[in-house]
Amino acid sequence: MTRSNKEERQLKCSFCGKKEEDVLKLVAGPGVYICNECVAKGSEIVEEGGGK
């Protein structure tokens, strides 16, 4: 069974996997996407000095 063109083109966050229609904003980078929720969580981690 093959996927439809709509399914193949459906954009989703590369971090959490949420679909474009399930988030407020999806930011595109070279071959990746990040949603507003993951940006906010990443910002919290950076502000706390975590992630190392």
PDB file of N, CA and C in Angstrom:
ATOM      1  N   MET A   1       0.845  -1.179   0.000  1.00  0.00           N
ATOM      2  CA  MET A   1       0.000   0.000   0.000  1.00  0.00           C
ATOM      3  C   MET A   1       0.894   1.248   0.000  1.00  0.00           C
ATOM      4  N   THR A   2       0.573   2.187  -0.825  1.00  0.00           N
ATOM      5  CA  THR A   2       1.363   3.417  -0.907  1.00  0.00           C
ATOM      6  C   THR A   2       0.674   4.529  -0.143  1.00  0.00           C
ATOM      7  N   ARG A   3       1.466   5.455   0.316  1.00  0.00           N
ATOM      8  CA  ARG A   3       0.932   6.606   1.040  1.00  0.00           C
ATOM      9  C   ARG A   3       0.476   7.662   0.049  1.00  0.00           C
ATOM     10  N   SER A   4      -0.553   8.410   0.425  1.00  0.00           N
ATOM     11  CA  SER A   4      -1.042   9.477  -0.442  1.00  0.00           C
ATOM     12  C   SER A   4      -0.057  10.636  -0.423  1.00  0.00           C
ATOM     13  N   ASN A   5      -0.152  11.507  -1.427  1.00  0.00           N
ATOM     14  CA  ASN A   5       0.715  12.685  -1.486  1.00  0.00           C
ATOM     15  C   ASN A   5       0.526  13.571  -0.262  1.00  0.00           C
ATOM     16  N   LYS A   6      -0.711  13.658   0.241  1.00  0.00           N
ATOM     17  CA  LYS A   6      -0.977  14.487   1.414  1.00  0.00           C
ATOM     18  C   LYS A   6      -0.219  13.953   2.623  1.00  0.00           C
ATOM     19  N   GLU A   7      -0.216  12.641   2.817  1.00  0.00           N
ATOM     20  CA  GLU A   7       0.503  12.045   3.941  1.00  0.00           C
ATOM     21  C   GLU A   7       2.002  12.258   3.808  1.00  0.00           C
ATOM     22  N   GLU A   8       2.532  12.138   2.606  1.00  0.00           N
ATOM     23  CA  GLU A   8       3.963  12.290   2.382  1.00  0.00           C
ATOM     24  C   GLU A   8       4.418  13.725   2.620  1.00  0.00           C
ATOM     25  N   ARG A   9       3.550  14.690   2.332  1.00  0.00           N
ATOM     26  CA  ARG A   9       3.898  16.102   2.477  1.00  0.00           C
ATOM     27  C   ARG A   9       3.538  16.663   3.840  1.00  0.00           C
ATOM     28  N   GLN A  10       2.917  15.856   4.689  1.00  0.00           N
ATOM     29  CA  GLN A  10       2.497  16.342   5.999  1.00  0.00           C
ATOM     30  C   GLN A  10       3.727  16.679   6.839  1.00  0.00           C
ATOM     31  N   LEU A  11       3.790  17.932   7.275  1.00  0.00           N
ATOM     32  CA  LEU A  11       4.937  18.393   8.049  1.00  0.00           C
ATOM     33  C   LEU A  11       4.722  18.102   9.521  1.00  0.00           C
ATOM     34  N   LYS A  12       5.824  17.751  10.216  1.00  0.00           N
ATOM     35  CA  LYS A  12       5.749  17.509  11.648  1.00  0.00           C
ATOM     36  C   LYS A  12       7.049  17.920  12.307  1.00  0.00           C
ATOM     37  N   CYS A  13       6.964  18.188  13.585  1.00  0.00           N
ATOM     38  CA  CYS A  13       8.127  18.591  14.368  1.00  0.00           C
ATOM     39  C   CYS A  13       9.131  17.443  14.415  1.00  0.00           C
ATOM     40  N   SER A  14      10.377  17.742  14.130  1.00  0.00           N
ATOM     41  CA  SER A  14      11.432  16.730  14.150  1.00  0.00           C
ATOM     42  C   SER A  14      11.790  16.310  15.575  1.00  0.00           C
ATOM     43  N   PHE A  15      11.364  17.071  16.572  1.00  0.00           N
ATOM     44  CA  PHE A  15      11.709  16.784  17.965  1.00  0.00           C
ATOM     45  C   PHE A  15      10.614  15.981  18.663  1.00  0.00           C
ATOM     46  N   CYS A  16       9.374  16.467  18.615  1.00  0.00           N
ATOM     47  CA  CYS A  16       8.287  15.788  19.335  1.00  0.00           C
ATOM     48  C   CYS A  16       7.364  14.986  18.422  1.00  0.00           C
ATOM     49  N   GLY A  17       7.422  15.246  17.126  1.00  0.00           N
ATOM     50  CA  GLY A  17       6.607  14.494  16.177  1.00  0.00           C
ATOM     51  C   GLY A  17       5.198  15.023  15.971  1.00  0.00           C
ATOM     52  N   LYS A  18       4.853  16.132  16.627  1.00  0.00           N
ATOM     53  CA  LYS A  18       3.509  16.688  16.447  1.00  0.00           C
ATOM     54  C   LYS A  18       3.343  17.204  15.025  1.00  0.00           C
ATOM     55  N   LYS A  19       2.144  16.995  14.486  1.00  0.00           N
ATOM     56  CA  LYS A  19       1.836  17.429  13.130  1.00  0.00           C
ATOM     57  C   LYS A  19       1.625  18.936  13.079  1.00  0.00           C
ATOM     58  N   GLU A  20       1.826  19.479  11.891  1.00  0.00           N
ATOM     59  CA  GLU A  20       1.702  20.926  11.674  1.00  0.00           C
ATOM     60  C   GLU A  20       0.366  21.464  12.181  1.00  0.00           C
ATOM     61  N   GLU A  21      -0.711  20.728  11.965  1.00  0.00           N
ATOM     62  CA  GLU A  21      -2.029  21.221  12.366  1.00  0.00           C
ATOM     63  C   GLU A  21      -2.269  21.120  13.875  1.00  0.00           C
ATOM     64  N   ASP A  22      -1.365  20.465  14.607  1.00  0.00           N
ATOM     65  CA  ASP A  22      -1.523  20.304  16.049  1.00  0.00           C
ATOM     66  C   ASP A  22      -0.721  21.309  16.876  1.00  0.00           C
ATOM     67  N   VAL A  23       0.012  22.203  16.205  1.00  0.00           N
ATOM     68  CA  VAL A  23       0.821  23.203  16.906  1.00  0.00           C
ATOM     69  C   VAL A  23       0.509  24.593  16.362  1.00  0.00           C
ATOM     70  N   LEU A  24       0.915  25.620  17.105  1.00  0.00           N
ATOM     71  CA  LEU A  24       0.663  26.994  16.650  1.00  0.00           C
ATOM     72  C   LEU A  24       1.596  27.402  15.518  1.00  0.00           C
ATOM     73  N   LYS A  25       2.852  26.964  15.598  1.00  0.00           N
ATOM     74  CA  LYS A  25       3.862  27.391  14.630  1.00  0.00           C
ATOM     75  C   LYS A  25       4.847  26.256  14.414  1.00  0.00           C
ATOM     76  N   LEU A  26       5.290  26.106  13.176  1.00  0.00           N
ATOM     77  CA  LEU A  26       6.303  25.120  12.829  1.00  0.00           C
ATOM     78  C   LEU A  26       7.385  25.851  12.051  1.00  0.00           C
ATOM     79  N   VAL A  27       8.586  25.901  12.621  1.00  0.00           N
ATOM     80  CA  VAL A  27       9.704  26.614  12.013  1.00  0.00           C
ATOM     81  C   VAL A  27      10.547  25.613  11.235  1.00  0.00           C
ATOM     82  N   ALA A  28      10.871  25.966   9.989  1.00  0.00           N
ATOM     83  CA  ALA A  28      11.636  25.065   9.122  1.00  0.00           C
ATOM     84  C   ALA A  28      13.111  25.417   9.110  1.00  0.00           C
ATOM     85  N   GLY A  29      13.921  24.387   9.114  1.00  0.00           N
ATOM     86  CA  GLY A  29      15.366  24.510   8.938  1.00  0.00           C
ATOM     87  C   GLY A  29      15.760  23.594   7.795  1.00  0.00           C
ATOM     88  N   PRO A  30      17.037  23.456   7.516  1.00  0.00           N
ATOM     89  CA  PRO A  30      17.466  22.577   6.424  1.00  0.00           C
ATOM     90  C   PRO A  30      17.155  21.107   6.735  1.00  0.00           C
ATOM     91  N   GLY A  31      16.016  20.650   6.255  1.00  0.00           N
ATOM     92  CA  GLY A  31      15.613  19.255   6.429  1.00  0.00           C
ATOM     93  C   GLY A  31      15.008  18.924   7.782  1.00  0.00           C
ATOM     94  N   VAL A  32      14.761  19.925   8.623  1.00  0.00           N
ATOM     95  CA  VAL A  32      14.168  19.697   9.943  1.00  0.00           C
ATOM     96  C   VAL A  32      13.108  20.751  10.236  1.00  0.00           C
ATOM     97  N   TYR A  33      12.243  20.434  11.188  1.00  0.00           N
ATOM     98  CA  TYR A  33      11.202  21.358  11.628  1.00  0.00           C
ATOM     99  C   TYR A  33      11.143  21.314  13.143  1.00  0.00           C
ATOM    100  N   ILE A  34      10.823  22.459  13.760  1.00  0.00           N
ATOM    101  CA  ILE A  34      10.639  22.512  15.209  1.00  0.00           C
ATOM    102  C   ILE A  34       9.392  23.338  15.511  1.00  0.00           C
ATOM    103  N   CYS A  35       8.567  22.823  16.420  1.00  0.00           N
ATOM    104  CA  CYS A  35       7.322  23.512  16.757  1.00  0.00           C
ATOM    105  C   CYS A  35       7.551  24.525  17.871  1.00  0.00           C
ATOM    106  N   ASN A  36       6.580  25.411  18.044  1.00  0.00           N
ATOM    107  CA  ASN A  36       6.666  26.447  19.073  1.00  0.00           C
ATOM    108  C   ASN A  36       6.804  25.847  20.469  1.00  0.00           C
ATOM    109  N   GLU A  37       6.208  24.701  20.708  1.00  0.00           N
ATOM    110  CA  GLU A  37       6.292  24.074  22.027  1.00  0.00           C
ATOM    111  C   GLU A  37       7.711  23.583  22.318  1.00  0.00           C
ATOM    112  N   CYS A  38       8.372  22.997  21.332  1.00  0.00           N
ATOM    113  CA  CYS A  38       9.743  22.522  21.519  1.00  0.00           C
ATOM    114  C   CYS A  38      10.724  23.688  21.611  1.00  0.00           C
ATOM    115  N   VAL A  39      10.441  24.776  20.902  1.00  0.00           N
ATOM    116  CA  VAL A  39      11.277  25.974  21.028  1.00  0.00           C
ATOM    117  C   VAL A  39      11.186  26.497  22.461  1.00  0.00           C
ATOM    118  N   ALA A  40       9.975  26.556  23.010  1.00  0.00           N
ATOM    119  CA  ALA A  40       9.784  27.041  24.381  1.00  0.00           C
ATOM    120  C   ALA A  40      10.500  26.137  25.382  1.00  0.00           C
ATOM    121  N   LYS A  41      10.373  24.827  25.211  1.00  0.00           N
ATOM    122  CA  LYS A  41      11.035  23.886  26.116  1.00  0.00           C
ATOM    123  C   LYS A  41      12.556  24.014  25.998  1.00  0.00           C
ATOM    124  N   GLY A  42      13.061  24.134  24.785  1.00  0.00           N
ATOM    125  CA  GLY A  42      14.495  24.313  24.572  1.00  0.00           C
ATOM    126  C   GLY A  42      15.000  25.593  25.207  1.00  0.00           C
ATOM    127  N   SER A  43      14.216  26.640  25.114  1.00  0.00           N
ATOM    128  CA  SER A  43      14.575  27.919  25.720  1.00  0.00           C
ATOM    129  C   SER A  43      14.670  27.789  27.239  1.00  0.00           C
ATOM    130  N   GLU A  44      13.726  27.060  27.841  1.00  0.00           N
ATOM    131  CA  GLU A  44      13.756  26.819  29.288  1.00  0.00           C
ATOM    132  C   GLU A  44      15.038  26.088  29.682  1.00  0.00           C
ATOM    133  N   ILE A  45      15.413  25.079  28.923  1.00  0.00           N
ATOM    134  CA  ILE A  45      16.616  24.294  29.210  1.00  0.00           C
ATOM    135  C   ILE A  45      17.859  25.175  29.143  1.00  0.00           C
ATOM    136  N   VAL A  46      17.943  26.019  28.113  1.00  0.00           N
ATOM    137  CA  VAL A  46      19.095  26.909  27.957  1.00  0.00           C
ATOM    138  C   VAL A  46      19.149  27.915  29.106  1.00  0.00           C
ATOM    139  N   GLU A  47      18.000  28.489  29.461  1.00  0.00           N
ATOM    140  CA  GLU A  47      17.954  29.482  30.541  1.00  0.00           C
ATOM    141  C   GLU A  47      18.363  28.886  31.883  1.00  0.00           C
ATOM    142  N   GLU A  48      18.035  27.613  32.097  1.00  0.00           N
ATOM    143  CA  GLU A  48      18.383  26.941  33.348  1.00  0.00           C
ATOM    144  C   GLU A  48      19.841  26.484  33.357  1.00  0.00           C
ATOM    145  N   GLY A  49      20.497  26.583  32.216  1.00  0.00           N
ATOM    146  CA  GLY A  49      21.886  26.149  32.123  1.00  0.00           C
ATOM    147  C   GLY A  49      22.028  24.651  31.952  1.00  0.00           C
ATOM    148  N   GLY A  50      20.936  23.986  31.619  1.00  0.00           N
ATOM    149  CA  GLY A  50      20.967  22.539  31.430  1.00  0.00           C
ATOM    150  C   GLY A  50      21.388  22.158  30.028  1.00  0.00           C
ATOM    151  N   GLY A  51      21.278  20.895  29.745  1.00  0.00           N
ATOM    152  CA  GLY A  51      21.584  20.406  28.406  1.00  0.00           C
ATOM    153  C   GLY A  51      23.026  20.000  28.216  1.00  0.00           C
ATOM    154  N   LYS A  52      23.844  20.084  29.258  1.00  0.00           N
ATOM    155  CA  LYS A  52      25.246  19.672  29.140  1.00  0.00           C
ATOM    156  C   LYS A  52      25.502  18.459  29.988  1.00  0.00           C
TER     157      LYS A  52
END
